[in-house]
C-alpha atoms as a PDB file:
ATOM      1  CA  SER A   1       3.937 -19.957   3.715  1.00  0.00           C
ATOM      2  CA  GLN A   2       3.869 -18.747   6.174  1.00  0.00           C
ATOM      3  CA  VAL A   3       0.965 -16.144   7.602  1.00  0.00           C
ATOM      4  CA  SER A   4       1.527 -13.190   9.896  1.00  0.00           C
ATOM      5  CA  SER A   5      -0.315 -12.472  13.571  1.00  0.00           C
ATOM      6  CA  THR A   6       0.427  -9.548  12.178  1.00  0.00           C
ATOM      7  CA  ARG A   7      -3.299  -7.050  12.679  1.00  0.00           C
ATOM      8  CA  VAL A   8      -3.658  -4.529  10.328  1.00  0.00           C
ATOM      9  CA  LYS A   9      -6.401  -1.052  10.702  1.00  0.00           C
ATOM     10  CA  LEU A  10      -7.297   1.447   8.613  1.00  0.00           C
ATOM     11  CA  GLN A  11      -7.859   4.639   9.694  1.00  0.00           C
ATOM     12  CA  GLU A  12      -8.410   7.529   7.919  1.00  0.00           C
ATOM     13  CA  GLU A  13      -7.238  10.682   9.602  1.00  0.00           C
ATOM     14  CA  ILE A  14      -6.974  14.468   7.850  1.00  0.00           C
ATOM     15  CA  LEU A  15      -4.240  17.498   8.121  1.00  0.00           C
ATOM     16  CA  ALA A  16      -2.471  17.332  11.048  1.00  0.00           C
ATOM     17  CA  GLY A  17      -4.658  14.822  12.893  1.00  0.00           C
ATOM     18  CA  CYS A  18      -2.112  12.509  10.386  1.00  0.00           C
ATOM     19  CA  TRP A  19       0.716  13.869  12.268  1.00  0.00           C
ATOM     20  CA  GLU A  20      -0.374  13.519  14.900  1.00  0.00           C
ATOM     21  CA  SER A  21      -2.093  10.229  15.256  1.00  0.00           C
ATOM     22  CA  LEU A  22       2.272   9.108  14.353  1.00  0.00           C
ATOM     23  CA  ALA A  23       2.790  11.029  16.551  1.00  0.00           C
ATOM     24  CA  ASP A  24       1.072   9.166  19.279  1.00  0.00           C
ATOM     25  CA  GLY A  25       1.111   6.458  18.522  1.00  0.00           C
ATOM     26  CA  ARG A  26      -2.115   5.784  17.529  1.00  0.00           C
ATOM     27  CA  ALA A  27      -0.412   4.983  13.429  1.00  0.00           C
ATOM     28  CA  ASP A  28       2.776   3.375  12.467  1.00  0.00           C
ATOM     29  CA  LEU A  29       2.857   4.758   8.897  1.00  0.00           C
ATOM     30  CA  LEU A  30       1.453   7.575   7.061  1.00  0.00           C
ATOM     31  CA  ILE A  31       0.259   7.824   3.653  1.00  0.00           C
ATOM     32  CA  CYS A  32      -0.614  11.048   3.289  1.00  0.00           C
ATOM     33  CA  PRO A  33       0.408  14.347   1.158  1.00  0.00           C
ATOM     34  CA  LYS A  34       4.186  15.921   1.708  1.00  0.00           C
ATOM     35  CA  LEU A  35       4.908  18.371   4.766  1.00  0.00           C
ATOM     36  CA  GLU A  36       7.103  20.799   3.067  1.00  0.00           C
ATOM     37  CA  THR A  37       9.331  20.330   6.760  1.00  0.00           C
ATOM     38  CA  LEU A  38       8.688  16.251   8.640  1.00  0.00           C
ATOM     39  CA  PRO A  39       9.319  16.109  11.967  1.00  0.00           C
ATOM     40  CA  HIS A  40      13.075  15.055  13.455  1.00  0.00           C
ATOM     41  CA  ASP A  41      11.614  11.509  13.900  1.00  0.00           C
ATOM     42  CA  VAL A  42      10.126  10.704  10.476  1.00  0.00           C
ATOM     43  CA  LYS A  43      11.593   8.850   8.012  1.00  0.00           C
ATOM     44  CA  ALA A  44       9.197   9.451   4.297  1.00  0.00           C
ATOM     45  CA  GLU A  45       9.494   8.628   0.782  1.00  0.00           C
ATOM     46  CA  VAL A  46       8.028   9.781  -1.781  1.00  0.00           C
ATOM     47  CA  ILE A  47       5.519   7.039  -3.077  1.00  0.00           C
ATOM     48  CA  GLY A  48       3.454   8.687  -6.082  1.00  0.00           C
ATOM     49  CA  ALA A  49       2.262  13.024  -7.176  1.00  0.00           C
ATOM     50  CA  MET A  50      -2.084  13.023  -7.323  1.00  0.00           C
ATOM     51  CA  GLU A  51      -2.438  16.086  -8.918  1.00  0.00           C
ATOM     52  CA  MET A  52      -5.479  18.542  -8.121  1.00  0.00           C
ATOM     53  CA  ILE A  53      -8.432  20.417  -9.816  1.00  0.00           C
ATOM     54  CA  TRP A  54     -10.764  23.089  -9.023  1.00  0.00           C
ATOM     55  CA  VAL A  55     -14.657  21.820  -9.591  1.00  0.00           C
ATOM     56  CA  ALA A  56     -18.159  22.874  -8.706  1.00  0.00           C
ATOM     57  CA  ALA A  57     -21.591  22.252  -9.394  1.00  0.00           C
ATOM     58  CA  PRO A  58     -22.121  22.719 -12.731  1.00  0.00           C
ATOM     59  CA  ASP A  59     -24.685  25.614 -12.654  1.00  0.00           C
ATOM     60  CA  HIS A  60     -22.488  26.505  -9.804  1.00  0.00           C
ATOM     61  CA  TYR A  61     -21.922  31.031 -10.259  1.00  0.00           C
ATOM     62  CA  VAL A  62     -18.222  30.313 -10.165  1.00  0.00           C
ATOM     63  CA  HIS A  63     -18.771  29.110 -13.566  1.00  0.00           C
ATOM     64  CA  LYS A  64     -19.718  32.754 -14.657  1.00  0.00           C
ATOM     65  CA  ARG A  65     -16.159  34.426 -14.317  1.00  0.00           C
ATOM     66  CA  ALA A  66     -14.191  35.581 -16.288  1.00  0.00           C
ATOM     67  CA  GLY A  67     -10.109  36.384 -15.647  1.00  0.00           C
ATOM     68  CA  ALA A  68      -7.625  34.210 -13.702  1.00  0.00           C
ATOM     69  CA  PHE A  69      -8.906  31.923 -10.868  1.00  0.00           C
ATOM     70  CA  ASP A  70      -5.821  33.474  -8.907  1.00  0.00           C
ATOM     71  CA  ASP A  71      -6.663  34.006  -5.049  1.00  0.00           C
ATOM     72  CA  LYS A  72      -7.655  37.398  -4.991  1.00  0.00           C
ATOM     73  CA  ALA A  73     -10.873  35.617  -6.889  1.00  0.00           C
ATOM     74  CA  ARG A  74     -11.298  32.575  -4.969  1.00  0.00           C
ATOM     75  CA  GLU A  75     -11.581  34.851  -1.468  1.00  0.00           C
ATOM     76  CA  LYS A  76     -14.694  35.563  -3.105  1.00  0.00           C
ATOM     77  CA  TYR A  77     -16.708  31.812  -3.975  1.00  0.00           C
ATOM     78  CA  ARG A  78     -17.192  29.587  -0.272  1.00  0.00           C
ATOM     79  CA  VAL A  79     -14.528  26.221  -0.001  1.00  0.00           C
ATOM     80  CA  ILE A  80     -15.549  22.926   0.835  1.00  0.00           C
ATOM     81  CA  ALA A  81     -13.307  22.256   3.617  1.00  0.00           C
ATOM     82  CA  ILE A  82     -12.611  18.211   5.416  1.00  0.00           C
ATOM     83  CA  ALA A  83     -12.208  19.201   8.840  1.00  0.00           C
ATOM     84  CA  ASP A  84      -9.123  18.350  10.669  1.00  0.00           C
ATOM     85  CA  THR A  85      -9.057  15.239  12.776  1.00  0.00           C
ATOM     86  CA  ALA A  86      -6.445  16.755  15.437  1.00  0.00           C
ATOM     87  CA  ARG A  87      -7.456  15.954  18.929  1.00  0.00           C
ATOM     88  CA  GLU A  88      -4.653  18.259  20.833  1.00  0.00           C
ATOM     89  CA  GLN A  89      -2.491  20.352  17.349  1.00  0.00           C
ATOM     90  CA  PRO A  90      -3.117  23.324  16.105  1.00  0.00           C
ATOM     91  CA  PRO A  91      -5.200  22.364  12.629  1.00  0.00           C
ATOM     92  CA  ILE A  92      -3.462  22.550   8.574  1.00  0.00           C
ATOM     93  CA  SER A  93      -5.537  23.986   6.246  1.00  0.00           C
ATOM     94  CA  ILE A  94      -4.246  23.348   2.348  1.00  0.00           C
ATOM     95  CA  ASN A  95      -6.187  25.738  -0.364  1.00  0.00           C
ATOM     96  CA  VAL A  96      -8.527  27.928   2.385  1.00  0.00           C
ATOM     97  CA  ILE A  97      -7.908  31.885   1.501  1.00  0.00           C
ATOM     98  CA  GLN A  98      -7.833  32.828   5.393  1.00  0.00           C
ATOM     99  CA  LYS A  99     -10.781  35.556   4.374  1.00  0.00           C
ATOM    100  CA  GLN A 100     -12.103  33.535   2.680  1.00  0.00           C
ATOM    101  CA  PRO A 101     -16.117  31.533   4.271  1.00  0.00           C
ATOM    102  CA  ARG A 102     -15.980  27.784   4.264  1.00  0.00           C
ATOM    103  CA  LEU A 103     -18.363  24.666   4.578  1.00  0.00           C
ATOM    104  CA  THR A 104     -16.349  21.537   6.670  1.00  0.00           C
ATOM    105  CA  VAL A 105     -17.464  18.612   6.529  1.00  0.00           C
ATOM    106  CA  THR A 106     -15.641  15.484   7.687  1.00  0.00           C
ATOM    107  CA  ASN A 107     -15.269  14.019   5.239  1.00  0.00           C
ATOM    108  CA  PHE A 108     -14.896  12.874   1.785  1.00  0.00           C
ATOM    109  CA  ALA A 109     -18.315  12.442   0.677  1.00  0.00           C
ATOM    110  CA  ALA A 110     -19.696  14.618   2.229  1.00  0.00           C
ATOM    111  CA  LYS A 111     -17.486  16.658   0.445  1.00  0.00           C
ATOM    112  CA  VAL A 112     -17.934  15.439  -3.199  1.00  0.00           C
ATOM    113  CA  SER A 113     -22.017  15.274  -2.083  1.00  0.00           C
ATOM    114  CA  ALA A 114     -21.882  19.432  -1.264  1.00  0.00           C
ATOM    115  CA  LEU A 115     -19.078  20.151  -3.914  1.00  0.00           C
ATOM    116  CA  GLN A 116     -22.385  19.078  -5.864  1.00  0.00           C
ATOM    117  CA  ASN A 117     -24.955  20.453  -4.361  1.00  0.00           C
ATOM    118  CA  GLY A 118     -23.494  23.691  -5.724  1.00  0.00           C
ATOM    119  CA  LEU A 119     -22.957  24.508  -2.123  1.00  0.00           C
ATOM    120  CA  GLY A 120     -19.376  25.353  -2.680  1.00  0.00           C
ATOM    121  CA  ILE A 121     -15.666  25.658  -4.392  1.00  0.00           C
ATOM    122  CA  GLY A 122     -13.144  22.970  -3.871  1.00  0.00           C
ATOM    123  CA  THR A 123     -10.294  20.960  -5.062  1.00  0.00           C
ATOM    124  CA  LEU A 124     -10.402  17.051  -6.044  1.00  0.00           C
ATOM    125  CA  PRO A 125      -8.489  14.315  -6.722  1.00  0.00           C
ATOM    126  CA  LYS A 126      -8.568  14.357 -10.846  1.00  0.00           C
ATOM    127  CA  GLN A 127      -8.697  11.014 -11.726  1.00  0.00           C
ATOM    128  CA  ARG A 128     -12.447  11.552  -9.363  1.00  0.00           C
ATOM    129  CA  ALA A 129     -13.624  14.282 -10.457  1.00  0.00           C
ATOM    130  CA  LEU A 130     -12.729  13.573 -15.031  1.00  0.00           C
ATOM    131  CA  ALA A 131     -15.280  11.078 -13.517  1.00  0.00           C
ATOM    132  CA  LEU A 132     -17.978  13.272 -11.740  1.00  0.00           C
ATOM    133  CA  ILE A 133     -16.972  15.796 -14.531  1.00  0.00           C
ATOM    134  CA  GLU A 134     -17.788  13.404 -17.212  1.00  0.00           C
ATOM    135  CA  GLN A 135     -21.648  12.039 -15.493  1.00  0.00           C
ATOM    136  CA  GLY A 136     -21.813  16.443 -15.654  1.00  0.00           C
ATOM    137  CA  LYS A 137     -22.001  16.163 -12.090  1.00  0.00           C
ATOM    138  CA  LEU A 138     -18.830  18.590 -11.728  1.00  0.00           C
ATOM    139  CA  LYS A 139     -17.890  21.169 -14.157  1.00  0.00           C
ATOM    140  CA  GLN A 140     -14.200  22.172 -13.542  1.00  0.00           C
ATOM    141  CA  ILE A 141     -13.059  25.952 -13.145  1.00  0.00           C
ATOM    142  CA  GLU A 142     -10.680  27.838 -15.002  1.00  0.00           C
ATOM    143  CA  GLY A 143      -8.419  30.017 -15.423  1.00  0.00           C
ATOM    144  CA  ILE A 144      -6.269  27.146 -12.254  1.00  0.00           C
ATOM    145  CA  ASP A 145      -3.783  24.807 -13.152  1.00  0.00           C
ATOM    146  CA  ALA A 146      -4.340  21.651 -11.692  1.00  0.00           C
ATOM    147  CA  GLN A 147      -1.665  21.184  -9.119  1.00  0.00           C
ATOM    148  CA  THR A 148       0.146  18.254  -8.416  1.00  0.00           C
ATOM    149  CA  ILE A 149       1.152  17.300  -5.057  1.00  0.00           C
ATOM    150  CA  GLU A 150       3.072  14.385  -3.704  1.00  0.00           C
ATOM    151  CA  ILE A 151       1.787  11.486  -1.830  1.00  0.00           C
ATOM    152  CA  ILE A 152       4.559   9.892   1.196  1.00  0.00           C
ATOM    153  CA  LEU A 153       4.863   7.239   3.162  1.00  0.00           C
ATOM    154  CA  ALA A 154       5.850   7.712   6.722  1.00  0.00           C
ATOM    155  CA  TRP A 155       6.551   6.117   9.364  1.00  0.00           C
ATOM    156  CA  LYS A 156       9.203   6.880  13.153  1.00  0.00           C
ATOM    157  CA  ARG A 157      13.021   5.705  12.462  1.00  0.00           C
ATOM    158  CA  ASN A 158      12.908   4.494  16.507  1.00  0.00           C
ATOM    159  CA  LYS A 159       9.606   2.322  15.422  1.00  0.00           C
ATOM    160  CA  ILE A 160      10.859  -0.572  13.327  1.00  0.00           C
ATOM    161  CA  GLY A 161      10.078  -4.006  13.170  1.00  0.00           C
ATOM    162  CA  GLU A 162       9.890  -6.951  10.640  1.00  0.00           C
ATOM    163  CA  ALA A 163       6.374  -6.042   9.619  1.00  0.00           C
ATOM    164  CA  LYS A 164       6.134  -3.054   9.600  1.00  0.00           C
ATOM    165  CA  SER A 165       9.632  -3.327   7.282  1.00  0.00           C
ATOM    166  CA  TRP A 166       7.936  -5.971   5.350  1.00  0.00           C
ATOM    167  CA  CYS A 167       4.401  -3.133   4.570  1.00  0.00           C
ATOM    168  CA  ILE A 168       7.307  -0.442   3.307  1.00  0.00           C
ATOM    169  CA  GLN A 169       8.426  -2.267   1.489  1.00  0.00           C
ATOM    170  CA  TYR A 170       4.975  -3.903  -0.147  1.00  0.00           C
ATOM    171  CA  LEU A 171       3.482  -0.250  -0.426  1.00  0.00           C
ATOM    172  CA  LYS A 172       6.291   0.577  -2.190  1.00  0.00           C
ATOM    173  CA  LYS A 173       6.547  -1.800  -4.563  1.00  0.00           C
ATOM    174  CA  THR A 174       2.996  -1.605  -5.000  1.00  0.00           C
ATOM    175  CA  PHE A 175       2.151   2.481  -5.344  1.00  0.00           C
ATOM    176  CA  LYS A 176       5.018   2.294  -7.915  1.00  0.00           C
ATOM    177  CA  ALA A 177       3.453  -0.457 -10.093  1.00  0.00           C
ATOM    178  CA  ASN A 178       0.266   1.413 -10.049  1.00  0.00           C
ATOM    179  CA  ALA A 179       2.578   4.673 -10.557  1.00  0.00           C
ATOM    180  CA  VAL A 180      -0.890   6.572 -10.081  1.00  0.00           C
ATOM    181  CA  ILE A 181      -2.200   7.737  -6.947  1.00  0.00           C
END
């Protein structure tokens, strides 16, 4: 068997920071939520889907409300958001209403901690949220359905070598085998 000399470095980027890192050449491949429109020089394939659910600490006052948890209802509560890592590009925000108060944290672990400590509401991947709900650390907010987001593998069309091609095929096969993100 042959061993490649290619080095792999994994890094976390958030929202517009993902696309900026690909555009600037700091990343060769992205695994991220699908955008409505992709940059013209990017090729992408859907490799899975992830369900996101709204949660808060069990004693958070959001659980005392009744009725649909629509945009109007949501803007009354502080949302916990992870900061976009873009350096130059305008930041993207997901599930944050413009008028809504927010607490911005630097990473996923900090978001989970802020939610558990009752500092606000937010979305989490269902698989991660259910474990915390079972432990009594979080509670799902009623009145809103889970939302499914497609996860893509993306790369620049004009920069494809053997190592990247192998990684793309390997990741597609791995995600297909596991079916759930």
